Amino acid sequence: MKFILDNWLLITLALTSGFLLLLPTLQGAALAGIGPTQAVQLMNRQKALVVDVCSGEEYAGGHIVGARHIPLDQLESRLGEVAKNKSTPLIMVCASGMRSRRAANIAQKLGYEQVHSLQGGMQAWKEANLPVQKS
């Protein structure tokens, strides 16, 4: 007990630095998104709408069957065209999962209630041997 009272500043500093080191990991887990299996379940059970935010060339090279294509730079202005009901679950997809996280943030700012990012993007979808459609 004497040690704690004598060194309270060092203990506080150690706990604070430990928390700050873990913070990016905790934030990353919150933004990680859903896996391909969870996406399929969401599509089947809740009729989730898949929005592909890849470039035109990437979309033509292969996309999830039934996915709607809206490039990321047009998402804010065009999302309302394909997803009129803001309570419909949305699954954002890109090639690797990076752009889809940004797309999910944009959709949440626009008021959509259930927005998910496909973790690993089309790469993870293909690795899971799920169907891909080419334009």
N, C-alpha and C. Protein backbone atom coordinates (compact mmCIF):
# COMPACT_ATOMS: atom_id res chain seq x y z
N MET A 1 0.83 -1.19 0.00
CA MET A 1 0.00 0.00 0.00
C MET A 1 0.87 1.25 0.00
N LYS A 2 1.96 1.21 0.75
CA LYS A 2 2.87 2.35 0.80
C LYS A 2 3.46 2.62 -0.58
N PHE A 3 3.77 1.51 -1.30
CA PHE A 3 4.33 1.66 -2.65
C PHE A 3 3.37 2.39 -3.56
N ILE A 4 2.09 2.03 -3.49
CA ILE A 4 1.08 2.66 -4.34
C ILE A 4 0.95 4.14 -4.00
N LEU A 5 0.93 4.47 -2.72
CA LEU A 5 0.81 5.87 -2.32
C LEU A 5 2.04 6.67 -2.71
N ASP A 6 3.20 6.08 -2.59
CA ASP A 6 4.44 6.79 -2.93
C ASP A 6 4.63 6.95 -4.43
N ASN A 7 4.07 6.05 -5.22
CA ASN A 7 4.31 6.06 -6.68
C ASN A 7 3.02 6.18 -7.48
N TRP A 8 2.02 6.86 -6.97
CA TRP A 8 0.74 6.98 -7.64
C TRP A 8 0.86 7.63 -9.02
N LEU A 9 1.77 8.57 -9.16
CA LEU A 9 1.93 9.25 -10.44
C LEU A 9 2.48 8.28 -11.50
N LEU A 10 3.46 7.47 -11.14
CA LEU A 10 4.01 6.50 -12.08
C LEU A 10 2.99 5.43 -12.46
N ILE A 11 2.22 4.99 -11.49
CA ILE A 11 1.18 3.99 -11.77
C ILE A 11 0.12 4.56 -12.70
N THR A 12 -0.30 5.79 -12.46
CA THR A 12 -1.28 6.44 -13.33
C THR A 12 -0.72 6.60 -14.73
N LEU A 13 0.53 6.99 -14.84
CA LEU A 13 1.17 7.15 -16.14
C LEU A 13 1.24 5.81 -16.89
N ALA A 14 1.58 4.73 -16.19
CA ALA A 14 1.67 3.40 -16.80
C ALA A 14 0.29 2.93 -17.28
N LEU A 15 -0.74 3.12 -16.48
CA LEU A 15 -2.09 2.70 -16.88
C LEU A 15 -2.59 3.51 -18.07
N THR A 16 -2.32 4.81 -18.07
CA THR A 16 -2.76 5.67 -19.16
C THR A 16 -2.05 5.30 -20.45
N SER A 17 -0.75 5.08 -20.39
CA SER A 17 -0.02 4.71 -21.61
C SER A 17 -0.47 3.34 -22.12
N GLY A 18 -0.76 2.42 -21.24
CA GLY A 18 -1.27 1.11 -21.66
C GLY A 18 -2.61 1.23 -22.37
N PHE A 19 -3.49 2.07 -21.84
CA PHE A 19 -4.79 2.29 -22.48
C PHE A 19 -4.62 2.91 -23.85
N LEU A 20 -3.73 3.90 -23.95
CA LEU A 20 -3.52 4.57 -25.24
C LEU A 20 -2.90 3.63 -26.26
N LEU A 21 -2.11 2.67 -25.82
CA LEU A 21 -1.56 1.68 -26.74
C LEU A 21 -2.63 0.72 -27.25
N LEU A 22 -3.60 0.41 -26.43
CA LEU A 22 -4.69 -0.50 -26.81
C LEU A 22 -5.80 0.18 -27.60
N LEU A 23 -5.89 1.49 -27.52
CA LEU A 23 -7.00 2.21 -28.15
C LEU A 23 -7.12 1.95 -29.65
N PRO A 24 -6.04 2.01 -30.45
CA PRO A 24 -6.21 1.71 -31.89
C PRO A 24 -6.73 0.31 -32.15
N THR A 25 -6.32 -0.65 -31.36
CA THR A 25 -6.80 -2.02 -31.52
C THR A 25 -8.29 -2.10 -31.23
N LEU A 26 -8.73 -1.43 -30.18
CA LEU A 26 -10.15 -1.44 -29.84
C LEU A 26 -10.99 -0.74 -30.90
N GLN A 27 -10.49 0.36 -31.44
CA GLN A 27 -11.21 1.07 -32.49
C GLN A 27 -11.26 0.24 -33.76
N GLY A 28 -10.16 -0.44 -34.08
CA GLY A 28 -10.12 -1.29 -35.26
C GLY A 28 -11.11 -2.42 -35.17
N ALA A 29 -11.30 -2.97 -34.00
CA ALA A 29 -12.26 -4.06 -33.82
C ALA A 29 -13.67 -3.57 -34.04
N ALA A 30 -13.95 -2.35 -33.64
CA ALA A 30 -15.29 -1.80 -33.82
C ALA A 30 -15.58 -1.52 -35.29
N LEU A 31 -14.54 -1.20 -36.08
CA LEU A 31 -14.73 -0.87 -37.48
C LEU A 31 -14.45 -2.05 -38.41
N ALA A 32 -14.18 -3.20 -37.85
CA ALA A 32 -13.74 -4.33 -38.67
C ALA A 32 -14.81 -4.79 -39.65
N GLY A 33 -16.05 -4.69 -39.32
CA GLY A 33 -17.11 -5.09 -40.21
C GLY A 33 -17.53 -6.53 -40.01
N ILE A 34 -18.19 -7.08 -41.03
CA ILE A 34 -18.70 -8.45 -40.95
C ILE A 34 -17.98 -9.31 -41.98
N GLY A 35 -17.93 -10.59 -41.71
CA GLY A 35 -17.31 -11.54 -42.62
C GLY A 35 -18.28 -11.98 -43.70
N PRO A 36 -17.78 -12.71 -44.70
CA PRO A 36 -18.64 -13.18 -45.79
C PRO A 36 -19.82 -14.03 -45.33
N THR A 37 -19.61 -14.91 -44.36
CA THR A 37 -20.71 -15.76 -43.87
C THR A 37 -21.80 -14.93 -43.22
N GLN A 38 -21.39 -13.96 -42.40
CA GLN A 38 -22.38 -13.08 -41.77
C GLN A 38 -23.11 -12.25 -42.81
N ALA A 39 -22.40 -11.84 -43.87
CA ALA A 39 -23.04 -11.06 -44.93
C ALA A 39 -24.11 -11.88 -45.64
N VAL A 40 -23.81 -13.14 -45.93
CA VAL A 40 -24.80 -14.01 -46.59
C VAL A 40 -26.03 -14.18 -45.71
N GLN A 41 -25.80 -14.38 -44.41
CA GLN A 41 -26.94 -14.53 -43.49
C GLN A 41 -27.78 -13.25 -43.47
N LEU A 42 -27.14 -12.11 -43.45
CA LEU A 42 -27.85 -10.84 -43.45
C LEU A 42 -28.64 -10.65 -44.75
N MET A 43 -28.05 -11.06 -45.86
CA MET A 43 -28.73 -10.95 -47.15
C MET A 43 -29.95 -11.88 -47.20
N ASN A 44 -29.81 -13.08 -46.68
CA ASN A 44 -30.91 -14.06 -46.73
C ASN A 44 -32.00 -13.79 -45.71
N ARG A 45 -31.62 -13.43 -44.50
CA ARG A 45 -32.60 -13.29 -43.42
C ARG A 45 -33.26 -11.92 -43.37
N GLN A 46 -32.49 -10.87 -43.66
CA GLN A 46 -33.03 -9.51 -43.52
C GLN A 46 -33.08 -8.75 -44.84
N LYS A 47 -32.84 -9.46 -45.94
CA LYS A 47 -32.89 -8.84 -47.28
C LYS A 47 -31.97 -7.63 -47.36
N ALA A 48 -30.74 -7.79 -46.86
CA ALA A 48 -29.76 -6.70 -46.90
C ALA A 48 -29.42 -6.35 -48.34
N LEU A 49 -29.19 -5.09 -48.58
CA LEU A 49 -28.82 -4.58 -49.89
C LEU A 49 -27.30 -4.46 -49.94
N VAL A 50 -26.70 -5.03 -50.97
CA VAL A 50 -25.25 -4.97 -51.13
C VAL A 50 -24.92 -3.81 -52.06
N VAL A 51 -24.05 -2.92 -51.57
CA VAL A 51 -23.62 -1.75 -52.35
C VAL A 51 -22.12 -1.88 -52.59
N ASP A 52 -21.74 -2.01 -53.86
CA ASP A 52 -20.33 -2.14 -54.24
C ASP A 52 -19.79 -0.75 -54.55
N VAL A 53 -18.77 -0.33 -53.83
CA VAL A 53 -18.21 1.01 -53.99
C VAL A 53 -16.89 1.00 -54.76
N CYS A 54 -16.62 -0.08 -55.49
CA CYS A 54 -15.41 -0.21 -56.29
C CYS A 54 -15.47 0.71 -57.52
N SER A 55 -14.35 0.79 -58.22
CA SER A 55 -14.33 1.51 -59.50
C SER A 55 -15.09 0.68 -60.53
N GLY A 56 -15.38 1.27 -61.66
CA GLY A 56 -16.12 0.57 -62.71
C GLY A 56 -15.39 -0.68 -63.21
N GLU A 57 -14.06 -0.57 -63.36
CA GLU A 57 -13.27 -1.71 -63.84
C GLU A 57 -13.29 -2.85 -62.83
N GLU A 58 -13.15 -2.53 -61.55
CA GLU A 58 -13.18 -3.55 -60.51
C GLU A 58 -14.55 -4.24 -60.45
N TYR A 59 -15.60 -3.45 -60.58
CA TYR A 59 -16.96 -4.00 -60.54
C TYR A 59 -17.18 -4.93 -61.73
N ALA A 60 -16.73 -4.53 -62.92
CA ALA A 60 -16.90 -5.37 -64.11
C ALA A 60 -16.09 -6.67 -64.00
N GLY A 61 -14.98 -6.63 -63.27
CA GLY A 61 -14.14 -7.81 -63.10
C GLY A 61 -14.74 -8.86 -62.19
N GLY A 62 -15.70 -8.50 -61.39
CA GLY A 62 -16.36 -9.46 -60.52
C GLY A 62 -16.97 -8.77 -59.32
N HIS A 63 -18.23 -9.09 -59.06
CA HIS A 63 -18.95 -8.50 -57.93
C HIS A 63 -19.94 -9.51 -57.36
N ILE A 64 -20.44 -9.21 -56.19
CA ILE A 64 -21.43 -10.07 -55.54
C ILE A 64 -22.72 -10.03 -56.35
N VAL A 65 -23.33 -11.20 -56.53
CA VAL A 65 -24.57 -11.30 -57.30
C VAL A 65 -25.63 -10.40 -56.67
N GLY A 66 -26.21 -9.51 -57.48
CA GLY A 66 -27.25 -8.61 -57.01
C GLY A 66 -26.75 -7.32 -56.40
N ALA A 67 -25.43 -7.13 -56.36
CA ALA A 67 -24.88 -5.90 -55.77
C ALA A 67 -25.18 -4.71 -56.65
N ARG A 68 -25.45 -3.60 -56.00
CA ARG A 68 -25.66 -2.33 -56.71
C ARG A 68 -24.33 -1.59 -56.74
N HIS A 69 -23.98 -1.04 -57.89
CA HIS A 69 -22.69 -0.36 -58.03
C HIS A 69 -22.84 1.15 -57.90
N ILE A 70 -22.18 1.70 -56.91
CA ILE A 70 -22.07 3.15 -56.74
C ILE A 70 -20.62 3.43 -56.35
N PRO A 71 -19.82 4.03 -57.24
CA PRO A 71 -18.44 4.35 -56.87
C PRO A 71 -18.41 5.22 -55.60
N LEU A 72 -17.36 5.05 -54.81
CA LEU A 72 -17.28 5.73 -53.52
C LEU A 72 -17.43 7.24 -53.65
N ASP A 73 -16.86 7.84 -54.70
CA ASP A 73 -16.95 9.29 -54.84
C ASP A 73 -18.35 9.78 -55.20
N GLN A 74 -19.25 8.89 -55.57
CA GLN A 74 -20.63 9.26 -55.89
C GLN A 74 -21.62 8.79 -54.83
N LEU A 75 -21.12 8.13 -53.81
CA LEU A 75 -22.00 7.48 -52.84
C LEU A 75 -22.94 8.46 -52.14
N GLU A 76 -22.43 9.56 -51.70
CA GLU A 76 -23.24 10.51 -50.93
C GLU A 76 -24.42 11.03 -51.74
N SER A 77 -24.21 11.26 -53.03
CA SER A 77 -25.29 11.81 -53.85
C SER A 77 -26.22 10.74 -54.42
N ARG A 78 -25.76 9.49 -54.57
CA ARG A 78 -26.57 8.46 -55.24
C ARG A 78 -27.11 7.36 -54.35
N LEU A 79 -26.71 7.28 -53.09
CA LEU A 79 -27.16 6.18 -52.24
C LEU A 79 -28.68 6.16 -52.09
N GLY A 80 -29.30 7.31 -52.04
CA GLY A 80 -30.75 7.39 -51.91
C GLY A 80 -31.50 6.79 -53.08
N GLU A 81 -30.85 6.70 -54.25
CA GLU A 81 -31.48 6.11 -55.43
C GLU A 81 -31.69 4.61 -55.27
N VAL A 82 -30.73 3.93 -54.64
CA VAL A 82 -30.82 2.47 -54.53
C VAL A 82 -31.33 2.01 -53.17
N ALA A 83 -31.16 2.82 -52.15
CA ALA A 83 -31.60 2.45 -50.80
C ALA A 83 -32.53 3.54 -50.29
N LYS A 84 -33.79 3.42 -50.66
CA LYS A 84 -34.76 4.44 -50.27
C LYS A 84 -35.16 4.34 -48.80
N ASN A 85 -35.26 3.13 -48.27
CA ASN A 85 -35.64 2.91 -46.88
C ASN A 85 -34.39 2.89 -46.01
N LYS A 86 -34.28 3.82 -45.10
CA LYS A 86 -33.07 3.95 -44.28
C LYS A 86 -32.96 2.89 -43.19
N SER A 87 -33.99 2.06 -43.04
CA SER A 87 -33.89 0.97 -42.06
C SER A 87 -33.46 -0.35 -42.71
N THR A 88 -33.36 -0.37 -44.04
CA THR A 88 -32.88 -1.56 -44.74
C THR A 88 -31.41 -1.77 -44.44
N PRO A 89 -31.02 -2.98 -44.07
CA PRO A 89 -29.59 -3.23 -43.82
C PRO A 89 -28.77 -3.06 -45.10
N LEU A 90 -27.63 -2.41 -44.98
CA LEU A 90 -26.72 -2.21 -46.10
C LEU A 90 -25.41 -2.92 -45.83
N ILE A 91 -24.86 -3.54 -46.85
CA ILE A 91 -23.53 -4.14 -46.77
C ILE A 91 -22.67 -3.44 -47.82
N MET A 92 -21.68 -2.71 -47.37
CA MET A 92 -20.78 -2.01 -48.26
C MET A 92 -19.63 -2.93 -48.63
N VAL A 93 -19.28 -2.96 -49.92
CA VAL A 93 -18.25 -3.86 -50.42
C VAL A 93 -17.29 -3.10 -51.33
N CYS A 94 -16.01 -3.43 -51.21
CA CYS A 94 -15.00 -2.96 -52.15
C CYS A 94 -14.02 -4.10 -52.38
N ALA A 95 -12.89 -3.82 -52.99
CA ALA A 95 -11.92 -4.88 -53.30
C ALA A 95 -11.29 -5.48 -52.05
N SER A 96 -10.90 -4.63 -51.09
CA SER A 96 -10.17 -5.14 -49.93
C SER A 96 -10.81 -4.82 -48.58
N GLY A 97 -11.79 -3.96 -48.55
CA GLY A 97 -12.45 -3.61 -47.30
C GLY A 97 -12.13 -2.22 -46.78
N MET A 98 -11.17 -1.55 -47.39
CA MET A 98 -10.78 -0.22 -46.91
C MET A 98 -11.81 0.84 -47.33
N ARG A 99 -12.15 0.89 -48.60
CA ARG A 99 -13.12 1.89 -49.06
C ARG A 99 -14.50 1.62 -48.51
N SER A 100 -14.83 0.35 -48.29
CA SER A 100 -16.17 0.03 -47.79
C SER A 100 -16.35 0.55 -46.36
N ARG A 101 -15.28 0.62 -45.58
CA ARG A 101 -15.41 1.21 -44.23
C ARG A 101 -15.74 2.69 -44.33
N ARG A 102 -15.07 3.38 -45.26
CA ARG A 102 -15.39 4.80 -45.46
C ARG A 102 -16.82 4.95 -45.95
N ALA A 103 -17.23 4.05 -46.85
CA ALA A 103 -18.60 4.10 -47.37
C ALA A 103 -19.61 3.87 -46.25
N ALA A 104 -19.31 2.95 -45.33
CA ALA A 104 -20.21 2.70 -44.20
C ALA A 104 -20.34 3.93 -43.33
N ASN A 105 -19.24 4.63 -43.11
CA ASN A 105 -19.30 5.87 -42.33
C ASN A 105 -20.15 6.92 -43.02
N ILE A 106 -20.02 7.03 -44.33
CA ILE A 106 -20.82 8.00 -45.10
C ILE A 106 -22.30 7.65 -44.99
N ALA A 107 -22.63 6.38 -45.14
CA ALA A 107 -24.04 5.95 -45.07
C ALA A 107 -24.61 6.22 -43.68
N GLN A 108 -23.84 5.99 -42.64
CA GLN A 108 -24.32 6.27 -41.29
C GLN A 108 -24.57 7.76 -41.11
N LYS A 109 -23.71 8.59 -41.66
CA LYS A 109 -23.91 10.05 -41.57
C LYS A 109 -25.16 10.49 -42.33
N LEU A 110 -25.52 9.73 -43.37
CA LEU A 110 -26.72 10.04 -44.14
C LEU A 110 -27.99 9.54 -43.46
N GLY A 111 -27.83 8.83 -42.34
CA GLY A 111 -29.00 8.42 -41.56
C GLY A 111 -29.40 6.97 -41.70
N TYR A 112 -28.63 6.16 -42.42
CA TYR A 112 -28.96 4.74 -42.54
C TYR A 112 -28.64 4.05 -41.23
N GLU A 113 -29.57 3.21 -40.78
CA GLU A 113 -29.51 2.65 -39.43
C GLU A 113 -28.62 1.42 -39.31
N GLN A 114 -28.67 0.52 -40.28
CA GLN A 114 -27.92 -0.73 -40.22
C GLN A 114 -26.94 -0.79 -41.39
N VAL A 115 -25.73 -0.35 -41.16
CA VAL A 115 -24.72 -0.31 -42.21
C VAL A 115 -23.54 -1.18 -41.78
N HIS A 116 -23.11 -2.05 -42.69
CA HIS A 116 -22.00 -2.95 -42.41
C HIS A 116 -20.98 -2.87 -43.54
N SER A 117 -19.73 -3.13 -43.20
CA SER A 117 -18.67 -3.20 -44.19
C SER A 117 -18.23 -4.65 -44.29
N LEU A 118 -18.03 -5.15 -45.51
CA LEU A 118 -17.57 -6.53 -45.70
C LEU A 118 -16.08 -6.58 -45.41
N GLN A 119 -15.74 -7.21 -44.33
CA GLN A 119 -14.34 -7.31 -43.90
C GLN A 119 -13.55 -8.12 -44.92
N GLY A 120 -12.49 -7.54 -45.45
CA GLY A 120 -11.68 -8.22 -46.46
C GLY A 120 -12.18 -8.01 -47.87
N GLY A 121 -13.34 -7.41 -48.03
CA GLY A 121 -13.88 -7.07 -49.34
C GLY A 121 -14.11 -8.27 -50.26
N MET A 122 -14.03 -8.02 -51.56
CA MET A 122 -14.25 -9.06 -52.55
C MET A 122 -13.19 -10.15 -52.45
N GLN A 123 -12.02 -9.79 -51.99
CA GLN A 123 -10.97 -10.78 -51.81
C GLN A 123 -11.41 -11.87 -50.82
N ALA A 124 -11.98 -11.46 -49.69
CA ALA A 124 -12.47 -12.42 -48.70
C ALA A 124 -13.67 -13.19 -49.25
N TRP A 125 -14.52 -12.52 -50.02
CA TRP A 125 -15.69 -13.17 -50.61
C TRP A 125 -15.26 -14.30 -51.54
N LYS A 126 -14.27 -14.01 -52.38
CA LYS A 126 -13.78 -15.03 -53.31
C LYS A 126 -13.07 -16.16 -52.57
N GLU A 127 -12.32 -15.83 -51.52
CA GLU A 127 -11.63 -16.86 -50.74
C GLU A 127 -12.61 -17.79 -50.05
N ALA A 128 -13.81 -17.29 -49.75
CA ALA A 128 -14.85 -18.11 -49.13
C ALA A 128 -15.62 -18.93 -50.17
N ASN A 129 -15.19 -18.84 -51.44
CA ASN A 129 -15.81 -19.57 -52.55
C ASN A 129 -17.29 -19.25 -52.71
N LEU A 130 -17.64 -17.99 -52.52
CA LEU A 130 -19.02 -17.56 -52.71
C LEU A 130 -19.21 -17.05 -54.14
N PRO A 131 -20.43 -17.07 -54.66
CA PRO A 131 -20.64 -16.74 -56.08
C PRO A 131 -20.29 -15.31 -56.43
N VAL A 132 -19.69 -15.16 -57.61
CA VAL A 132 -19.28 -13.86 -58.13
C VAL A 132 -19.87 -13.73 -59.53
N GLN A 133 -20.37 -12.55 -59.83
CA GLN A 133 -20.94 -12.27 -61.14
C GLN A 133 -20.03 -11.28 -61.85
N LYS A 134 -19.82 -11.50 -63.14
CA LYS A 134 -19.00 -10.58 -63.94
C LYS A 134 -19.89 -9.87 -64.95
N SER A 135 -19.60 -8.59 -65.14
CA SER A 135 -20.40 -7.80 -66.09
C SER A 135 -19.91 -7.99 -67.50
